Structures are given as structure tokens and as C-alpha cells.
Amino acid sequence: MKQVKSLTSISPETNFIAGIDVTGNIKKLFENPAQMPGCLFLLCLRGRCNITIHLNKYEFKKNFIAVIYPDQFVQITDPTNECRFAFVGFSSTLIQHPFLFSNTIQYAPAILEEPITELDPKTGEVFRDYFKVLIKAQHLNNTFVREEQLPLILTGLIIELGNIKKQEPVATTSQRYTRSQEIVKELIRIVIENYKTERNISFYADKMHLSPQHLSTTIKKTTGRTLTDIISAFVIKDAQAKLKSTELTIQEIAYSLNFPDISFFGKYFKRYTGMSPKQYRNME
């Protein structure tokens, strides 16, 4: 692979990158904490190391795969000399694609909570071979890995890892979280289940047996975002997915997200996107 000196040296226009780390470049790239500009799938081919993803430290060895989302901090420490990786990366723009949201929302919490997955040897071999196919395909002049295919490839990887996680036994020693982190985790789970019908802060506070003020303050301090921002992000992503990926009318989409009428939905959508639902649907 072509050596990458730093993550900032990757062009913002690069939507896809794949390679096998034959020189140990990945270890050097993440020797110090680095913030991911996109989404990275990192597969350990041999050796071992420790990897810290967003302050949580994990052991990482052969047939382990990590999913690192945009803006998360990553550091690789204590690598053995023979430690090598294969990787596939996607831009932050692709991770926000409406198709991806509508098809992977059920898997995202598990992957975010536990970004490291241990694959059995046969599954690890499948992922390694698939990464090799993508590595070869990216050099064939946009023949096999075309821009319009990238959301499908990314979605497929997340779904496959999500399904593997569903089959994993419950860990006997779970990751310890602060009370604030536990509240955020529980909130996200409840929002995913209810955002289509509920956007009232009091509803979520009641579900979590907390006061609206305490819930809102905790979420803001822990995530840097307001509770309203988090709820609206799910609503807008769902609306965008339906506008781009279905033949539903705008009115049908409004009703599916529990808006009283198309006018209210239009104002809500424009408040967060700067355009009307119709403008978004017609946008190339």
C-alpha cells in the first residue's frame, strides 16, 4: 500500500481507501491518539497490540476486527513486531448516507458500544479475502468499486458485523461505564425505539425515571449535544432515507414520522437541513 504519513494527508475527496499494511505503517499512524476523519474497518492479520478507541482500551490480535466511526480517537500501543493489518475506510460523507442509516440503525448501538469483534478463523478468512477483493478492485478505474456502490459495501460490512454481534454470548465482565455514560446509552436505545412517534423531552425523561432537566443536563455534558439535537438527528436521517430511497409521497413520509400534516413536517425538515423535503428529494 502507499504509505500514509498522517490522516490529515488523506484528501477530503477520498471516499474509499483499502490496503494491507505490509510495512507497519498503521502502527506508526496511530502511535499517538489520532481522530478518525472517516469510518475505518481494521482487521488484524497477525501479531497483537492494544488499541484504544474513544478512551476504551482493548486487546487486538489475529482475526479481531475494529470498527472506528468518524471523530473517534484511536491509538495503537504495545504492538508486536509482526503485527499487521488489512483495512477498508470510508469518508464521513458516506457514513451519513441515508441508505446506510435506514438499513443499519439497529446495529449501530452494539457496534458503538463494543467496536471490537473477535471473528472465528473461517469468518476471519472470509473478511480477509473480501478486503483483498476490495483492495484489488479499487485500482481498476472505477469499474468494480463505483461511487454509487460504496454505500452498499459499507452497509453490508456493518450488517454482517452486527449479525455476528447478535450471536455473541453475553460477556461475563462488561465494560464499566460512568452513570452519565449509562444514561446516554439507555437514552439512545429508547430514542431508536421511539423517535418516529415521540419527540418530547418529557416522554424520554419519564421512560428513564429522570427529571427532564437532569436528563437534558446530563446528555449535554456527556455528549456536547442537546437532547433535542439527538432526537432530531434520528428523525431527519429517517426522513432523508425515505425521500431518497422510497417512492413514498412527502405526505406519507410525514405521517410515518408522526407529523400532523405536511406543512409541519416541511418546516421541521427545513429547520434542520436548510431546504424543503421536495428540494432534498430532487437534489442530485
C-alpha atoms as a PDB file:
ATOM      1  CA  MET A   1       0.000   0.000   0.000  1.00  0.00           C
ATOM      2  CA  LYS A   2       1.056   3.595  -0.470  1.00  0.00           C
ATOM      3  CA  GLN A   3       2.350   4.893   2.855  1.00  0.00           C
ATOM      4  CA  VAL A   4       0.115   7.431   4.576  1.00  0.00           C
ATOM      5  CA  LYS A   5       2.145   9.884   6.656  1.00  0.00           C
ATOM      6  CA  SER A   6      -0.837  11.258   8.560  1.00  0.00           C
ATOM      7  CA  LEU A   7      -4.633  11.127   8.499  1.00  0.00           C
ATOM      8  CA  THR A   8      -4.734  14.791   7.504  1.00  0.00           C
ATOM      9  CA  SER A   9      -2.775  13.951   4.341  1.00  0.00           C
ATOM     10  CA  ILE A  10      -5.752  11.949   3.001  1.00  0.00           C
ATOM     11  CA  SER A  11      -7.680  14.099   0.538  1.00  0.00           C
ATOM     12  CA  PRO A  12     -11.173  15.158   1.722  1.00  0.00           C
ATOM     13  CA  GLU A  13     -12.407  13.994  -1.694  1.00  0.00           C
ATOM     14  CA  THR A  14     -11.305  10.406  -0.988  1.00  0.00           C
ATOM     15  CA  ASN A  15     -14.481   8.417  -0.315  1.00  0.00           C
ATOM     16  CA  PHE A  16     -12.862   4.971  -0.211  1.00  0.00           C
ATOM     17  CA  ILE A  17      -9.479   3.553   0.660  1.00  0.00           C
ATOM     18  CA  ALA A  18      -8.320  -0.037   1.221  1.00  0.00           C
ATOM     19  CA  GLY A  19      -4.992  -1.758   1.726  1.00  0.00           C
ATOM     20  CA  ILE A  20      -2.811  -4.282   3.506  1.00  0.00           C
ATOM     21  CA  ASP A  21      -0.276  -2.830   5.901  1.00  0.00           C
ATOM     22  CA  VAL A  22       2.896  -4.649   4.855  1.00  0.00           C
ATOM     23  CA  THR A  23       5.339  -2.105   6.319  1.00  0.00           C
ATOM     24  CA  GLY A  24       3.837  -1.424   9.753  1.00  0.00           C
ATOM     25  CA  ASN A  25       2.561   1.995   8.672  1.00  0.00           C
ATOM     26  CA  ILE A  26      -0.705   1.619  10.612  1.00  0.00           C
ATOM     27  CA  LYS A  27       1.174   1.174  13.899  1.00  0.00           C
ATOM     28  CA  LYS A  28       3.083   4.395  13.262  1.00  0.00           C
ATOM     29  CA  LEU A  29      -0.032   6.238  12.077  1.00  0.00           C
ATOM     30  CA  PHE A  30      -1.791   5.566  15.386  1.00  0.00           C
ATOM     31  CA  GLU A  31       1.230   5.607  17.679  1.00  0.00           C
ATOM     32  CA  ASN A  32      -0.261   8.744  19.210  1.00  0.00           C
ATOM     33  CA  PRO A  33      -4.007   9.365  19.630  1.00  0.00           C
ATOM     34  CA  ALA A  34      -5.488  10.371  16.278  1.00  0.00           C
ATOM     35  CA  GLN A  35      -9.038  11.416  15.416  1.00  0.00           C
ATOM     36  CA  MET A  36     -10.628   9.445  12.591  1.00  0.00           C
ATOM     37  CA  PRO A  37     -11.797  11.610   9.683  1.00  0.00           C
ATOM     38  CA  GLY A  38     -13.974   8.772   8.348  1.00  0.00           C
ATOM     39  CA  CYS A  39     -15.118   5.224   9.127  1.00  0.00           C
ATOM     40  CA  LEU A  40     -12.374   2.587   9.348  1.00  0.00           C
ATOM     41  CA  PHE A  41     -12.620  -1.205   9.405  1.00  0.00           C
ATOM     42  CA  LEU A  42      -9.334  -2.566  10.756  1.00  0.00           C
ATOM     43  CA  LEU A  43      -8.653  -6.318  10.586  1.00  0.00           C
ATOM     44  CA  CYS A  44      -5.673  -7.798  12.431  1.00  0.00           C
ATOM     45  CA  LEU A  45      -3.902 -10.321  10.189  1.00  0.00           C
ATOM     46  CA  ARG A  46      -1.202 -11.409  12.632  1.00  0.00           C
ATOM     47  CA  GLY A  47       0.534 -10.444  15.846  1.00  0.00           C
ATOM     48  CA  ARG A  48      -1.111  -8.499  18.616  1.00  0.00           C
ATOM     49  CA  CYS A  49      -1.362  -4.998  20.112  1.00  0.00           C
ATOM     50  CA  ASN A  50      -3.560  -2.890  22.345  1.00  0.00           C
ATOM     51  CA  ILE A  51      -5.966  -0.489  20.707  1.00  0.00           C
ATOM     52  CA  THR A  52      -7.725   2.398  22.446  1.00  0.00           C
ATOM     53  CA  ILE A  53     -10.925   3.621  20.814  1.00  0.00           C
ATOM     54  CA  HIS A  54     -12.533   6.687  22.351  1.00  0.00           C
ATOM     55  CA  LEU A  55     -10.839   6.154  25.754  1.00  0.00           C
ATOM     56  CA  ASN A  56     -11.664   2.423  25.971  1.00  0.00           C
ATOM     57  CA  LYS A  57      -8.695   0.060  25.713  1.00  0.00           C
ATOM     58  CA  TYR A  58      -8.931  -3.375  24.058  1.00  0.00           C
ATOM     59  CA  GLU A  59      -6.626  -6.263  23.259  1.00  0.00           C
ATOM     60  CA  PHE A  60      -6.334  -6.673  19.488  1.00  0.00           C
ATOM     61  CA  LYS A  61      -4.954  -9.774  17.760  1.00  0.00           C
ATOM     62  CA  LYS A  62      -5.363 -12.055  14.730  1.00  0.00           C
ATOM     63  CA  ASN A  63      -8.966 -12.323  13.469  1.00  0.00           C
ATOM     64  CA  PHE A  64     -10.076  -9.346  15.562  1.00  0.00           C
ATOM     65  CA  ILE A  65     -11.795  -6.559  13.617  1.00  0.00           C
ATOM     66  CA  ALA A  66     -12.378  -2.989  14.802  1.00  0.00           C
ATOM     67  CA  VAL A  67     -14.970  -0.523  13.543  1.00  0.00           C
ATOM     68  CA  ILE A  68     -13.933   3.070  14.162  1.00  0.00           C
ATOM     69  CA  TYR A  69     -16.503   5.753  13.421  1.00  0.00           C
ATOM     70  CA  PRO A  70     -15.779   9.356  12.343  1.00  0.00           C
ATOM     71  CA  ASP A  71     -14.386  11.678  15.047  1.00  0.00           C
ATOM     72  CA  GLN A  72     -13.474   8.835  17.409  1.00  0.00           C
ATOM     73  CA  PHE A  73      -9.931   8.908  18.793  1.00  0.00           C
ATOM     74  CA  VAL A  74      -7.721   5.878  18.173  1.00  0.00           C
ATOM     75  CA  GLN A  75      -4.337   4.817  19.497  1.00  0.00           C
ATOM     76  CA  ILE A  76      -2.339   1.604  18.959  1.00  0.00           C
ATOM     77  CA  THR A  77       0.137   0.664  21.689  1.00  0.00           C
ATOM     78  CA  ASP A  78       2.434  -2.246  22.558  1.00  0.00           C
ATOM     79  CA  PRO A  79       2.379  -3.820  19.080  1.00  0.00           C
ATOM     80  CA  THR A  80       4.454  -6.930  18.463  1.00  0.00           C
ATOM     81  CA  ASN A  81       6.986  -6.716  15.622  1.00  0.00           C
ATOM     82  CA  GLU A  82       4.932  -8.958  13.351  1.00  0.00           C
ATOM     83  CA  CYS A  83       1.648  -7.116  13.968  1.00  0.00           C
ATOM     84  CA  ARG A  84      -0.020  -6.353  10.608  1.00  0.00           C
ATOM     85  CA  PHE A  85      -3.445  -5.224   9.438  1.00  0.00           C
ATOM     86  CA  ALA A  86      -5.798  -5.064   6.475  1.00  0.00           C
ATOM     87  CA  PHE A  87      -8.121  -2.090   6.346  1.00  0.00           C
ATOM     88  CA  VAL A  88     -11.055  -0.584   4.483  1.00  0.00           C
ATOM     89  CA  GLY A  89     -12.003   3.054   5.038  1.00  0.00           C
ATOM     90  CA  PHE A  90     -14.926   5.244   4.016  1.00  0.00           C
ATOM     91  CA  SER A  91     -15.390   9.017   4.182  1.00  0.00           C
ATOM     92  CA  SER A  92     -17.545  10.681   6.835  1.00  0.00           C
ATOM     93  CA  THR A  93     -19.871  11.754   3.998  1.00  0.00           C
ATOM     94  CA  LEU A  94     -20.624   8.130   3.162  1.00  0.00           C
ATOM     95  CA  ILE A  95     -21.301   7.172   6.784  1.00  0.00           C
ATOM     96  CA  GLN A  96     -24.081   9.791   6.741  1.00  0.00           C
ATOM     97  CA  HIS A  97     -25.688   8.398   3.570  1.00  0.00           C
ATOM     98  CA  PRO A  98     -29.488   7.983   4.003  1.00  0.00           C
ATOM     99  CA  PHE A  99     -29.392   4.406   2.668  1.00  0.00           C
ATOM    100  CA  LEU A 100     -26.880   3.483   5.345  1.00  0.00           C
ATOM    101  CA  PHE A 101     -28.994   4.993   8.122  1.00  0.00           C
ATOM    102  CA  SER A 102     -32.206   3.211   7.172  1.00  0.00           C
ATOM    103  CA  ASN A 103     -30.515  -0.176   6.885  1.00  0.00           C
ATOM    104  CA  THR A 104     -28.046  -0.181   9.789  1.00  0.00           C
ATOM    105  CA  ILE A 105     -29.708   1.785  12.608  1.00  0.00           C
ATOM    106  CA  GLN A 106     -30.495  -1.416  14.550  1.00  0.00           C
ATOM    107  CA  TYR A 107     -26.823  -2.450  14.541  1.00  0.00           C
ATOM    108  CA  ALA A 108     -25.180   0.889  15.349  1.00  0.00           C
ATOM    109  CA  PRO A 109     -25.623   0.880  19.166  1.00  0.00           C
ATOM    110  CA  ALA A 110     -23.988  -2.545  19.594  1.00  0.00           C
ATOM    111  CA  ILE A 111     -21.030  -1.616  17.388  1.00  0.00           C
ATOM    112  CA  LEU A 112     -20.558   1.760  19.059  1.00  0.00           C
ATOM    113  CA  GLU A 113     -20.700   0.138  22.499  1.00  0.00           C
ATOM    114  CA  GLU A 114     -18.304  -2.675  21.575  1.00  0.00           C
ATOM    115  CA  PRO A 115     -16.259  -1.683  18.479  1.00  0.00           C
ATOM    116  CA  ILE A 116     -14.042  -4.801  18.617  1.00  0.00           C
ATOM    117  CA  THR A 117     -15.329  -8.142  17.315  1.00  0.00           C
ATOM    118  CA  GLU A 118     -13.471 -11.448  17.547  1.00  0.00           C
ATOM    119  CA  LEU A 119     -14.091 -13.492  14.410  1.00  0.00           C
ATOM    120  CA  ASP A 120     -13.803 -17.249  14.272  1.00  0.00           C
ATOM    121  CA  PRO A 121     -10.978 -18.400  11.929  1.00  0.00           C
ATOM    122  CA  LYS A 122     -13.280 -19.188   8.978  1.00  0.00           C
ATOM    123  CA  THR A 123     -15.138 -15.878   9.255  1.00  0.00           C
ATOM    124  CA  GLY A 124     -11.826 -14.063   9.660  1.00  0.00           C
ATOM    125  CA  GLU A 125     -10.639 -15.671   6.430  1.00  0.00           C
ATOM    126  CA  VAL A 126     -13.797 -14.504   4.627  1.00  0.00           C
ATOM    127  CA  PHE A 127     -13.263 -10.913   5.779  1.00  0.00           C
ATOM    128  CA  ARG A 128      -9.581 -11.068   4.821  1.00  0.00           C
ATOM    129  CA  ASP A 129     -10.427 -12.361   1.335  1.00  0.00           C
ATOM    130  CA  TYR A 130     -13.177  -9.745   0.905  1.00  0.00           C
ATOM    131  CA  PHE A 131     -10.802  -6.953   1.917  1.00  0.00           C
ATOM    132  CA  LYS A 132      -8.308  -8.267  -0.660  1.00  0.00           C
ATOM    133  CA  VAL A 133     -11.004  -8.152  -3.358  1.00  0.00           C
ATOM    134  CA  LEU A 134     -11.816  -4.539  -2.462  1.00  0.00           C
ATOM    135  CA  ILE A 135      -8.107  -3.653  -2.451  1.00  0.00           C
ATOM    136  CA  LYS A 136      -7.670  -5.047  -5.979  1.00  0.00           C
ATOM    137  CA  ALA A 137     -10.932  -3.569  -7.216  1.00  0.00           C
ATOM    138  CA  GLN A 138     -10.111  -0.008  -6.161  1.00  0.00           C
ATOM    139  CA  HIS A 139      -7.277   0.069  -8.729  1.00  0.00           C
ATOM    140  CA  LEU A 140      -9.493  -0.881 -11.684  1.00  0.00           C
ATOM    141  CA  ASN A 141     -10.509   2.606 -12.770  1.00  0.00           C
ATOM    142  CA  ASN A 142     -13.908   2.773 -11.067  1.00  0.00           C
ATOM    143  CA  THR A 143     -15.024  -0.474 -12.715  1.00  0.00           C
ATOM    144  CA  PHE A 144     -15.860  -2.657  -9.707  1.00  0.00           C
ATOM    145  CA  VAL A 145     -15.929  -0.160  -6.843  1.00  0.00           C
ATOM    146  CA  ARG A 146     -18.004   2.700  -8.221  1.00  0.00           C
ATOM    147  CA  GLU A 147     -19.097   5.679  -6.142  1.00  0.00           C
ATOM    148  CA  GLU A 148     -22.739   4.576  -6.156  1.00  0.00           C
ATOM    149  CA  GLN A 149     -21.725   1.150  -4.813  1.00  0.00           C
ATOM    150  CA  LEU A 150     -19.820   2.444  -1.795  1.00  0.00           C
ATOM    151  CA  PRO A 151     -22.886   2.925   0.472  1.00  0.00           C
ATOM    152  CA  LEU A 152     -23.894  -0.670  -0.338  1.00  0.00           C
ATOM    153  CA  ILE A 153     -20.433  -2.010   0.544  1.00  0.00           C
ATOM    154  CA  LEU A 154     -20.323  -0.030   3.799  1.00  0.00           C
ATOM    155  CA  THR A 155     -23.862  -1.092   4.708  1.00  0.00           C
ATOM    156  CA  GLY A 156     -23.033  -4.736   4.030  1.00  0.00           C
ATOM    157  CA  LEU A 157     -19.993  -4.657   6.320  1.00  0.00           C
ATOM    158  CA  ILE A 158     -21.941  -3.103   9.202  1.00  0.00           C
ATOM    159  CA  ILE A 159     -24.875  -5.502   8.812  1.00  0.00           C
ATOM    160  CA  GLU A 160     -22.576  -8.541   8.741  1.00  0.00           C
ATOM    161  CA  LEU A 161     -20.704  -7.446  11.865  1.00  0.00           C
ATOM    162  CA  GLY A 162     -23.996  -6.520  13.536  1.00  0.00           C
ATOM    163  CA  ASN A 163     -25.345 -10.006  12.889  1.00  0.00           C
ATOM    164  CA  ILE A 164     -22.157 -11.563  14.272  1.00  0.00           C
ATOM    165  CA  LYS A 165     -22.523  -9.479  17.434  1.00  0.00           C
ATOM    166  CA  LYS A 166     -26.101 -10.683  17.884  1.00  0.00           C
ATOM    167  CA  GLN A 167     -24.772 -14.232  18.078  1.00  0.00           C
ATOM    168  CA  GLU A 168     -22.058 -13.428  20.627  1.00  0.00           C
ATOM    169  CA  PRO A 169     -22.574 -14.701  24.190  1.00  0.00           C
ATOM    170  CA  VAL A 170     -23.073 -12.059  26.855  1.00  0.00           C
ATOM    171  CA  ALA A 171     -19.694 -11.095  28.318  1.00  0.00           C
ATOM    172  CA  THR A 172     -19.113 -12.129  31.910  1.00  0.00           C
ATOM    173  CA  THR A 173     -17.147  -8.973  32.643  1.00  0.00           C
ATOM    174  CA  SER A 174     -18.738  -5.998  30.967  1.00  0.00           C
ATOM    175  CA  GLN A 175     -17.152  -2.635  30.298  1.00  0.00           C
ATOM    176  CA  ARG A 176     -17.557  -0.298  33.265  1.00  0.00           C
ATOM    177  CA  TYR A 177     -19.363   2.933  32.470  1.00  0.00           C
ATOM    178  CA  THR A 178     -19.986   6.052  34.490  1.00  0.00           C
ATOM    179  CA  ARG A 179     -23.564   6.812  35.452  1.00  0.00           C
ATOM    180  CA  SER A 180     -23.668   9.578  32.841  1.00  0.00           C
ATOM    181  CA  GLN A 181     -22.464   7.195  30.116  1.00  0.00           C
ATOM    182  CA  GLU A 182     -25.087   4.643  31.158  1.00  0.00           C
ATOM    183  CA  ILE A 183     -27.765   7.325  30.822  1.00  0.00           C
ATOM    184  CA  VAL A 184     -26.574   8.207  27.318  1.00  0.00           C
ATOM    185  CA  LYS A 185     -26.535   4.535  26.270  1.00  0.00           C
ATOM    186  CA  GLU A 186     -30.042   3.969  27.596  1.00  0.00           C
ATOM    187  CA  LEU A 187     -31.317   7.179  26.011  1.00  0.00           C
ATOM    188  CA  ILE A 188     -30.016   6.202  22.559  1.00  0.00           C
ATOM    189  CA  ARG A 189     -31.696   2.808  22.869  1.00  0.00           C
ATOM    190  CA  ILE A 190     -35.020   4.421  23.791  1.00  0.00           C
ATOM    191  CA  VAL A 191     -34.735   7.097  21.106  1.00  0.00           C
ATOM    192  CA  ILE A 192     -34.143   4.437  18.429  1.00  0.00           C
ATOM    193  CA  GLU A 193     -37.312   2.675  19.561  1.00  0.00           C
ATOM    194  CA  ASN A 194     -39.483   5.787  19.783  1.00  0.00           C
ATOM    195  CA  TYR A 195     -38.186   8.663  17.621  1.00  0.00           C
ATOM    196  CA  LYS A 196     -40.791   8.021  14.916  1.00  0.00           C
ATOM    197  CA  THR A 197     -43.620   8.841  17.288  1.00  0.00           C
ATOM    198  CA  GLU A 198     -42.117  10.795  20.201  1.00  0.00           C
ATOM    199  CA  ARG A 199     -40.065  13.989  20.142  1.00  0.00           C
ATOM    200  CA  ASN A 200     -40.987  15.382  23.553  1.00  0.00           C
ATOM    201  CA  ILE A 201     -38.176  15.556  26.123  1.00  0.00           C
ATOM    202  CA  SER A 202     -40.628  14.776  28.939  1.00  0.00           C
ATOM    203  CA  PHE A 203     -41.505  11.456  27.295  1.00  0.00           C
ATOM    204  CA  TYR A 204     -37.881  10.283  27.370  1.00  0.00           C
ATOM    205  CA  ALA A 205     -37.348  11.599  30.903  1.00  0.00           C
ATOM    206  CA  ASP A 206     -40.402   9.650  32.102  1.00  0.00           C
ATOM    207  CA  LYS A 207     -39.201   6.473  30.378  1.00  0.00           C
ATOM    208  CA  MET A 208     -35.852   6.783  32.177  1.00  0.00           C
ATOM    209  CA  HIS A 209     -37.378   7.851  35.525  1.00  0.00           C
ATOM    210  CA  LEU A 210     -35.416  11.105  35.481  1.00  0.00           C
ATOM    211  CA  SER A 211     -36.447  14.741  35.561  1.00  0.00           C
ATOM    212  CA  PRO A 212     -36.336  16.496  32.155  1.00  0.00           C
ATOM    213  CA  GLN A 213     -33.767  18.972  33.498  1.00  0.00           C
ATOM    214  CA  HIS A 214     -31.465  16.260  34.876  1.00  0.00           C
ATOM    215  CA  LEU A 215     -31.675  14.216  31.671  1.00  0.00           C
ATOM    216  CA  SER A 216     -31.049  17.235  29.444  1.00  0.00           C
ATOM    217  CA  THR A 217     -28.110  18.462  31.541  1.00  0.00           C
ATOM    218  CA  THR A 218     -26.502  15.001  31.661  1.00  0.00           C
ATOM    219  CA  ILE A 219     -26.833  14.485  27.910  1.00  0.00           C
ATOM    220  CA  LYS A 220     -25.387  17.919  27.157  1.00  0.00           C
ATOM    221  CA  LYS A 221     -22.391  17.478  29.490  1.00  0.00           C
ATOM    222  CA  THR A 222     -21.634  13.941  28.280  1.00  0.00           C
ATOM    223  CA  THR A 223     -22.148  14.286  24.524  1.00  0.00           C
ATOM    224  CA  GLY A 224     -21.881  18.024  23.868  1.00  0.00           C
ATOM    225  CA  ARG A 225     -25.285  17.863  22.151  1.00  0.00           C
ATOM    226  CA  THR A 226     -28.763  18.688  23.355  1.00  0.00           C
ATOM    227  CA  LEU A 227     -31.408  16.011  23.743  1.00  0.00           C
ATOM    228  CA  THR A 228     -33.455  17.738  21.059  1.00  0.00           C
ATOM    229  CA  ASP A 229     -30.470  17.592  18.688  1.00  0.00           C
ATOM    230  CA  ILE A 230     -30.114  13.843  19.239  1.00  0.00           C
ATOM    231  CA  ILE A 231     -33.807  13.120  18.657  1.00  0.00           C
ATOM    232  CA  SER A 232     -33.999  15.369  15.596  1.00  0.00           C
ATOM    233  CA  ALA A 233     -30.907  13.734  14.082  1.00  0.00           C
ATOM    234  CA  PHE A 234     -32.714  10.370  14.002  1.00  0.00           C
ATOM    235  CA  VAL A 235     -35.897  11.935  12.622  1.00  0.00           C
ATOM    236  CA  ILE A 236     -34.089  13.832   9.869  1.00  0.00           C
ATOM    237  CA  LYS A 237     -31.918  10.875   8.838  1.00  0.00           C
ATOM    238  CA  ASP A 238     -35.011   8.682   8.607  1.00  0.00           C
ATOM    239  CA  ALA A 239     -36.819  11.315   6.540  1.00  0.00           C
ATOM    240  CA  GLN A 240     -33.825  11.704   4.220  1.00  0.00           C
ATOM    241  CA  ALA A 241     -33.615   7.939   3.764  1.00  0.00           C
ATOM    242  CA  LYS A 242     -37.287   7.731   2.833  1.00  0.00           C
ATOM    243  CA  LEU A 243     -37.048  10.722   0.484  1.00  0.00           C
ATOM    244  CA  LYS A 244     -34.090   9.272  -1.409  1.00  0.00           C
ATOM    245  CA  SER A 245     -34.727   5.538  -1.185  1.00  0.00           C
ATOM    246  CA  THR A 246     -38.510   5.096  -1.433  1.00  0.00           C
ATOM    247  CA  GLU A 247     -41.413   6.114  -3.630  1.00  0.00           C
ATOM    248  CA  LEU A 248     -43.456   7.313  -0.643  1.00  0.00           C
ATOM    249  CA  THR A 249     -45.073  10.700  -1.085  1.00  0.00           C
ATOM    250  CA  ILE A 250     -43.890  13.519   1.154  1.00  0.00           C
ATOM    251  CA  GLN A 251     -47.233  13.391   2.933  1.00  0.00           C
ATOM    252  CA  GLU A 252     -46.858   9.648   3.570  1.00  0.00           C
ATOM    253  CA  ILE A 253     -43.364  10.240   4.943  1.00  0.00           C
ATOM    254  CA  ALA A 254     -44.699  12.987   7.217  1.00  0.00           C
ATOM    255  CA  TYR A 255     -47.380  10.667   8.599  1.00  0.00           C
ATOM    256  CA  SER A 256     -44.888   7.795   9.028  1.00  0.00           C
ATOM    257  CA  LEU A 257     -42.879  10.063  11.349  1.00  0.00           C
ATOM    258  CA  ASN A 258     -45.975  11.164  13.264  1.00  0.00           C
ATOM    259  CA  PHE A 259     -46.153  14.741  11.962  1.00  0.00           C
ATOM    260  CA  PRO A 260     -49.724  16.121  12.000  1.00  0.00           C
ATOM    261  CA  ASP A 261     -49.508  17.405   8.439  1.00  0.00           C
ATOM    262  CA  ILE A 262     -47.147  18.002   5.537  1.00  0.00           C
ATOM    263  CA  SER A 263     -46.716  21.696   6.410  1.00  0.00           C
ATOM    264  CA  PHE A 264     -45.436  20.964   9.921  1.00  0.00           C
ATOM    265  CA  PHE A 265     -43.107  18.298   8.555  1.00  0.00           C
ATOM    266  CA  GLY A 266     -41.773  20.686   5.906  1.00  0.00           C
ATOM    267  CA  LYS A 267     -40.967  23.376   8.458  1.00  0.00           C
ATOM    268  CA  TYR A 268     -39.266  20.869  10.774  1.00  0.00           C
ATOM    269  CA  PHE A 269     -37.198  19.396   7.932  1.00  0.00           C
ATOM    270  CA  LYS A 270     -36.141  22.833   6.646  1.00  0.00           C
ATOM    271  CA  ARG A 271     -35.162  23.977  10.149  1.00  0.00           C
ATOM    272  CA  TYR A 272     -32.506  21.250  10.327  1.00  0.00           C
ATOM    273  CA  THR A 273     -31.447  20.905   6.685  1.00  0.00           C
ATOM    274  CA  GLY A 274     -31.949  24.348   5.192  1.00  0.00           C
ATOM    275  CA  MET A 275     -34.164  23.011   2.405  1.00  0.00           C
ATOM    276  CA  SER A 276     -37.642  21.650   1.886  1.00  0.00           C
ATOM    277  CA  PRO A 277     -38.311  17.896   1.619  1.00  0.00           C
ATOM    278  CA  LYS A 278     -39.083  18.350  -2.081  1.00  0.00           C
ATOM    279  CA  GLN A 279     -35.814  20.206  -2.699  1.00  0.00           C
ATOM    280  CA  TYR A 280     -33.893  17.461  -0.899  1.00  0.00           C
ATOM    281  CA  ARG A 281     -35.607  14.710  -2.910  1.00  0.00           C
ATOM    282  CA  ASN A 282     -34.840  16.442  -6.211  1.00  0.00           C
ATOM    283  CA  MET A 283     -31.249  17.240  -5.274  1.00  0.00           C
ATOM    284  CA  GLU A 284     -28.648  15.322  -7.316  1.00  0.00           C
END
